[in-house]
Amino acid sequence: MEKHATSFSADQISRARSEFKQAGVSISEWAQRHGVPPSLVYSVLSGKTQCTRGRSHEVAVLLGLKAPPNSPSVKNLLPGHLACAETVGSSS
């Protein structure tokens, strides 16, 4: 049995891959639309990347494999300065 770096289930990854097929969009095309390297998307979908931070985390969020950082369940886990970092410069 192959060990994957991510904590995503095989069902989650399978679901993400099937959504590409159902939409008729290639992984490379999706990656280009979202400004990420196709190789990184393939790496995330193959479980070779931990997706704990940076671009791989961003890809996992875009694919729906991880919760977005601004979701209530994630905000409650972040220290105060990280949870409110997005709102610091956004007041009008």
N, C-alpha and C. Protein backbone atom coordinates (compact mmCIF):
# COMPACT_ATOMS: atom_id res chain seq x y z
N MET A 1 0.84 -1.19 0.00
CA MET A 1 0.00 0.00 0.00
C MET A 1 0.88 1.24 0.00
N GLU A 2 0.58 2.17 -0.92
CA GLU A 2 1.37 3.39 -1.06
C GLU A 2 0.96 4.40 0.00
N LYS A 3 1.95 5.02 0.64
CA LYS A 3 1.69 6.03 1.67
C LYS A 3 1.67 7.40 1.01
N HIS A 4 0.62 8.18 1.28
CA HIS A 4 0.50 9.52 0.72
C HIS A 4 0.90 10.55 1.76
N ALA A 5 1.39 11.70 1.29
CA ALA A 5 1.82 12.78 2.17
C ALA A 5 0.64 13.55 2.74
N THR A 6 -0.48 13.54 2.06
CA THR A 6 -1.63 14.34 2.49
C THR A 6 -2.55 13.55 3.41
N SER A 7 -3.46 14.26 4.02
CA SER A 7 -4.46 13.61 4.87
C SER A 7 -5.80 13.49 4.15
N PHE A 8 -5.81 13.75 2.85
CA PHE A 8 -7.05 13.64 2.09
C PHE A 8 -7.36 12.18 1.87
N SER A 9 -8.64 11.87 1.90
CA SER A 9 -9.05 10.49 1.63
C SER A 9 -9.03 10.23 0.14
N ALA A 10 -8.96 8.98 -0.21
CA ALA A 10 -9.01 8.59 -1.62
C ALA A 10 -10.33 9.05 -2.24
N ASP A 11 -11.40 9.04 -1.45
CA ASP A 11 -12.71 9.50 -1.94
C ASP A 11 -12.68 10.99 -2.30
N GLN A 12 -12.04 11.81 -1.47
CA GLN A 12 -11.97 13.24 -1.74
C GLN A 12 -11.22 13.50 -3.04
N ILE A 13 -10.10 12.83 -3.20
CA ILE A 13 -9.30 13.02 -4.41
C ILE A 13 -10.05 12.50 -5.62
N SER A 14 -10.68 11.37 -5.49
CA SER A 14 -11.46 10.79 -6.59
C SER A 14 -12.59 11.73 -6.99
N ARG A 15 -13.25 12.31 -6.00
CA ARG A 15 -14.34 13.26 -6.26
C ARG A 15 -13.83 14.48 -7.01
N ALA A 16 -12.67 15.00 -6.60
CA ALA A 16 -12.11 16.17 -7.27
C ALA A 16 -11.77 15.84 -8.72
N ARG A 17 -11.17 14.67 -8.94
CA ARG A 17 -10.82 14.26 -10.31
C ARG A 17 -12.07 14.07 -11.16
N SER A 18 -13.12 13.51 -10.58
CA SER A 18 -14.34 13.28 -11.36
C SER A 18 -15.03 14.60 -11.71
N GLU A 19 -14.87 15.61 -10.87
CA GLU A 19 -15.45 16.92 -11.18
C GLU A 19 -14.79 17.52 -12.41
N PHE A 20 -13.49 17.28 -12.59
CA PHE A 20 -12.82 17.74 -13.81
C PHE A 20 -13.44 17.06 -15.03
N LYS A 21 -13.64 15.76 -14.93
CA LYS A 21 -14.21 15.00 -16.05
C LYS A 21 -15.63 15.47 -16.36
N GLN A 22 -16.44 15.65 -15.32
CA GLN A 22 -17.83 16.07 -15.52
C GLN A 22 -17.91 17.46 -16.14
N ALA A 23 -16.98 18.33 -15.78
CA ALA A 23 -16.98 19.70 -16.31
C ALA A 23 -16.33 19.78 -17.68
N GLY A 24 -15.65 18.72 -18.08
CA GLY A 24 -14.96 18.73 -19.37
C GLY A 24 -13.77 19.66 -19.40
N VAL A 25 -13.12 19.80 -18.24
CA VAL A 25 -11.97 20.70 -18.11
C VAL A 25 -10.75 19.86 -17.74
N SER A 26 -9.66 20.09 -18.44
CA SER A 26 -8.44 19.37 -18.09
C SER A 26 -7.81 19.98 -16.84
N ILE A 27 -7.02 19.20 -16.16
CA ILE A 27 -6.34 19.69 -14.96
C ILE A 27 -5.40 20.84 -15.34
N SER A 28 -4.72 20.71 -16.46
CA SER A 28 -3.80 21.77 -16.91
C SER A 28 -4.56 23.07 -17.19
N GLU A 29 -5.71 22.96 -17.84
CA GLU A 29 -6.51 24.15 -18.14
C GLU A 29 -6.99 24.82 -16.85
N TRP A 30 -7.46 24.00 -15.91
CA TRP A 30 -7.90 24.53 -14.62
C TRP A 30 -6.76 25.24 -13.90
N ALA A 31 -5.59 24.62 -13.92
CA ALA A 31 -4.42 25.21 -13.27
C ALA A 31 -4.09 26.56 -13.88
N GLN A 32 -4.10 26.64 -15.20
CA GLN A 32 -3.81 27.91 -15.87
C GLN A 32 -4.84 28.98 -15.51
N ARG A 33 -6.10 28.60 -15.46
CA ARG A 33 -7.16 29.57 -15.08
C ARG A 33 -6.95 30.12 -13.68
N HIS A 34 -6.38 29.29 -12.80
CA HIS A 34 -6.19 29.70 -11.41
C HIS A 34 -4.77 30.18 -11.12
N GLY A 35 -3.94 30.24 -12.15
CA GLY A 35 -2.59 30.78 -11.98
C GLY A 35 -1.65 29.92 -11.16
N VAL A 36 -1.84 28.63 -11.21
CA VAL A 36 -0.95 27.73 -10.49
C VAL A 36 -0.32 26.74 -11.47
N PRO A 37 0.86 26.25 -11.16
CA PRO A 37 1.51 25.30 -12.06
C PRO A 37 0.73 23.99 -12.15
N PRO A 38 0.48 23.49 -13.35
CA PRO A 38 -0.23 22.21 -13.48
C PRO A 38 0.46 21.08 -12.71
N SER A 39 1.78 21.10 -12.68
CA SER A 39 2.51 20.04 -11.96
C SER A 39 2.16 20.03 -10.48
N LEU A 40 1.89 21.21 -9.91
CA LEU A 40 1.52 21.29 -8.50
C LEU A 40 0.13 20.69 -8.28
N VAL A 41 -0.79 20.96 -9.19
CA VAL A 41 -2.14 20.40 -9.07
C VAL A 41 -2.07 18.88 -9.17
N TYR A 42 -1.29 18.37 -10.12
CA TYR A 42 -1.13 16.92 -10.24
C TYR A 42 -0.51 16.34 -8.97
N SER A 43 0.45 17.06 -8.39
CA SER A 43 1.10 16.61 -7.16
C SER A 43 0.10 16.54 -6.00
N VAL A 44 -0.75 17.55 -5.90
CA VAL A 44 -1.78 17.56 -4.84
C VAL A 44 -2.76 16.41 -5.06
N LEU A 45 -3.20 16.23 -6.30
CA LEU A 45 -4.19 15.19 -6.59
C LEU A 45 -3.61 13.77 -6.49
N SER A 46 -2.30 13.65 -6.54
CA SER A 46 -1.70 12.33 -6.40
C SER A 46 -1.29 12.04 -4.96
N GLY A 47 -1.45 13.04 -4.08
CA GLY A 47 -1.12 12.84 -2.67
C GLY A 47 0.35 12.96 -2.36
N LYS A 48 1.12 13.55 -3.24
CA LYS A 48 2.57 13.67 -3.03
C LYS A 48 2.97 14.91 -2.24
N THR A 49 2.02 15.76 -1.96
CA THR A 49 2.28 17.02 -1.29
C THR A 49 1.45 17.11 -0.02
N GLN A 50 2.02 17.68 1.04
CA GLN A 50 1.32 17.78 2.32
C GLN A 50 0.24 18.85 2.34
N CYS A 51 0.38 19.88 1.56
CA CYS A 51 -0.61 20.96 1.47
C CYS A 51 -0.84 21.66 2.81
N THR A 52 0.22 21.85 3.57
CA THR A 52 0.07 22.50 4.86
C THR A 52 0.19 24.01 4.80
N ARG A 53 0.86 24.53 3.76
CA ARG A 53 1.02 25.98 3.60
C ARG A 53 1.43 26.29 2.18
N GLY A 54 1.43 27.56 1.86
CA GLY A 54 1.91 27.99 0.55
C GLY A 54 0.99 27.62 -0.61
N ARG A 55 1.60 27.47 -1.78
CA ARG A 55 0.83 27.23 -3.00
C ARG A 55 0.09 25.90 -2.96
N SER A 56 0.70 24.87 -2.38
CA SER A 56 0.00 23.58 -2.34
C SER A 56 -1.26 23.67 -1.48
N HIS A 57 -1.18 24.43 -0.39
CA HIS A 57 -2.36 24.64 0.45
C HIS A 57 -3.43 25.40 -0.34
N GLU A 58 -2.99 26.42 -1.07
CA GLU A 58 -3.91 27.21 -1.90
C GLU A 58 -4.62 26.31 -2.92
N VAL A 59 -3.87 25.43 -3.56
CA VAL A 59 -4.46 24.51 -4.54
C VAL A 59 -5.46 23.59 -3.87
N ALA A 60 -5.12 23.05 -2.70
CA ALA A 60 -6.04 22.16 -1.98
C ALA A 60 -7.34 22.88 -1.62
N VAL A 61 -7.24 24.15 -1.25
CA VAL A 61 -8.44 24.94 -0.93
C VAL A 61 -9.26 25.15 -2.20
N LEU A 62 -8.60 25.53 -3.30
CA LEU A 62 -9.31 25.76 -4.56
C LEU A 62 -10.00 24.49 -5.06
N LEU A 63 -9.39 23.34 -4.80
CA LEU A 63 -9.98 22.07 -5.22
C LEU A 63 -11.08 21.60 -4.27
N GLY A 64 -11.24 22.29 -3.14
CA GLY A 64 -12.26 21.89 -2.17
C GLY A 64 -11.81 20.76 -1.26
N LEU A 65 -10.51 20.49 -1.23
CA LEU A 65 -9.99 19.43 -0.37
C LEU A 65 -9.75 19.93 1.05
N LYS A 66 -9.57 21.24 1.19
CA LYS A 66 -9.36 21.85 2.51
C LYS A 66 -10.29 23.05 2.64
N ALA A 67 -10.61 23.39 3.88
CA ALA A 67 -11.46 24.56 4.14
C ALA A 67 -10.68 25.83 3.87
N PRO A 68 -11.34 26.85 3.32
CA PRO A 68 -10.66 28.13 3.10
C PRO A 68 -10.24 28.75 4.43
N PRO A 69 -9.14 29.50 4.45
CA PRO A 69 -8.66 30.07 5.71
C PRO A 69 -9.62 31.05 6.36
N ASN A 70 -10.57 31.60 5.61
CA ASN A 70 -11.52 32.56 6.19
C ASN A 70 -12.83 31.90 6.61
N SER A 71 -12.89 30.57 6.57
CA SER A 71 -14.11 29.90 7.02
C SER A 71 -14.18 29.95 8.55
N PRO A 72 -15.38 30.00 9.11
CA PRO A 72 -15.52 30.11 10.56
C PRO A 72 -14.79 29.00 11.33
N SER A 73 -14.81 27.79 10.83
CA SER A 73 -14.17 26.69 11.56
C SER A 73 -12.66 26.87 11.61
N VAL A 74 -12.07 27.47 10.59
CA VAL A 74 -10.62 27.68 10.57
C VAL A 74 -10.26 28.93 11.37
N LYS A 75 -11.04 30.00 11.24
CA LYS A 75 -10.76 31.24 11.98
C LYS A 75 -10.71 30.98 13.48
N ASN A 76 -11.57 30.11 13.97
CA ASN A 76 -11.60 29.83 15.40
C ASN A 76 -10.35 29.11 15.88
N LEU A 77 -9.60 28.51 14.97
CA LEU A 77 -8.39 27.80 15.33
C LEU A 77 -7.15 28.67 15.26
N LEU A 78 -7.23 29.80 14.55
CA LEU A 78 -6.06 30.64 14.34
C LEU A 78 -5.85 31.60 15.50
N PRO A 79 -4.58 31.91 15.81
CA PRO A 79 -4.31 32.94 16.81
C PRO A 79 -4.92 34.26 16.34
N GLY A 80 -5.28 35.14 17.24
CA GLY A 80 -5.96 36.39 16.91
C GLY A 80 -5.32 37.20 15.81
N HIS A 81 -3.99 37.33 15.82
CA HIS A 81 -3.35 38.17 14.81
C HIS A 81 -3.43 37.56 13.42
N LEU A 82 -3.52 36.26 13.31
CA LEU A 82 -3.67 35.64 11.99
C LEU A 82 -5.12 35.68 11.53
N ALA A 83 -6.04 35.49 12.45
CA ALA A 83 -7.45 35.45 12.10
C ALA A 83 -7.94 36.81 11.60
N CYS A 84 -7.38 37.89 12.13
CA CYS A 84 -7.85 39.20 11.73
C CYS A 84 -6.92 39.88 10.74
N ALA A 85 -5.87 39.22 10.29
CA ALA A 85 -4.90 39.82 9.38
C ALA A 85 -5.55 40.30 8.09
N GLU A 86 -6.55 39.61 7.61
CA GLU A 86 -7.21 40.00 6.36
C GLU A 86 -7.98 41.29 6.51
N THR A 87 -8.45 41.60 7.70
CA THR A 87 -9.30 42.77 7.90
C THR A 87 -8.50 44.03 8.24
N VAL A 88 -7.20 43.90 8.51
CA VAL A 88 -6.41 45.04 8.95
C VAL A 88 -6.40 46.17 7.92
N GLY A 89 -6.09 45.90 6.67
CA GLY A 89 -6.02 46.95 5.68
C GLY A 89 -7.26 47.12 4.85
N SER A 90 -8.34 46.45 5.21
CA SER A 90 -9.51 46.47 4.34
C SER A 90 -10.61 47.41 4.78
N SER A 91 -10.39 48.24 5.81
CA SER A 91 -11.45 49.16 6.21
C SER A 91 -11.50 50.32 5.25
N SER A 92 -12.72 50.78 4.95
CA SER A 92 -12.89 51.87 3.98
C SER A 92 -13.21 53.15 4.66
